[in-house]
Amino acid sequence: MPGIQPKAREGAFLWLIKILAGLSIVIVLGIHFVVNHLVAPEGLLNYSDVVRYYQNPWVVTMEIFFLITVVTHALIGIRSILLDLNPSDSLLSIINLILAVAGVGAVTYGIWLALEIASRGQ
């Protein structure tokens, strides 16, 4: 059946990671919305509320996991879209490198930011 199998050159491993990341995003996004907008009084509207919220190590862990899954899912999705253009193997190698560097950069910055916010409350 089309649409439920990996694309050519995508590979089953990346396809599986994309699917699992998408499922994780739905679950963690639900938790994120409930905790941030339904449980917290008046939602997390200002910086001091966010700093206080980040004092819980489970929150920091969840937000970092959320960041990693969103970046992973997005970049594998972009790669999958670019595969539709049927790039040459050498161009695909360059695309892979660019996406990997962008992903590592985004995740590194996001983790640093989450830890920095968490450290502000101590």
Foldseek 3Di string as FASTA:
>chain_A
DPPPDDDVVLDPVLVVLLVVLVVLLVVLVVVCCCVQPPVDVVGQDDLVSVLVVLLDVVVLVSVLSNQLSVLSNVLSVVLSVVVVVVDDPVVSVVSVVVSVVVSVVSSVVVNVVSVVSNVVVD
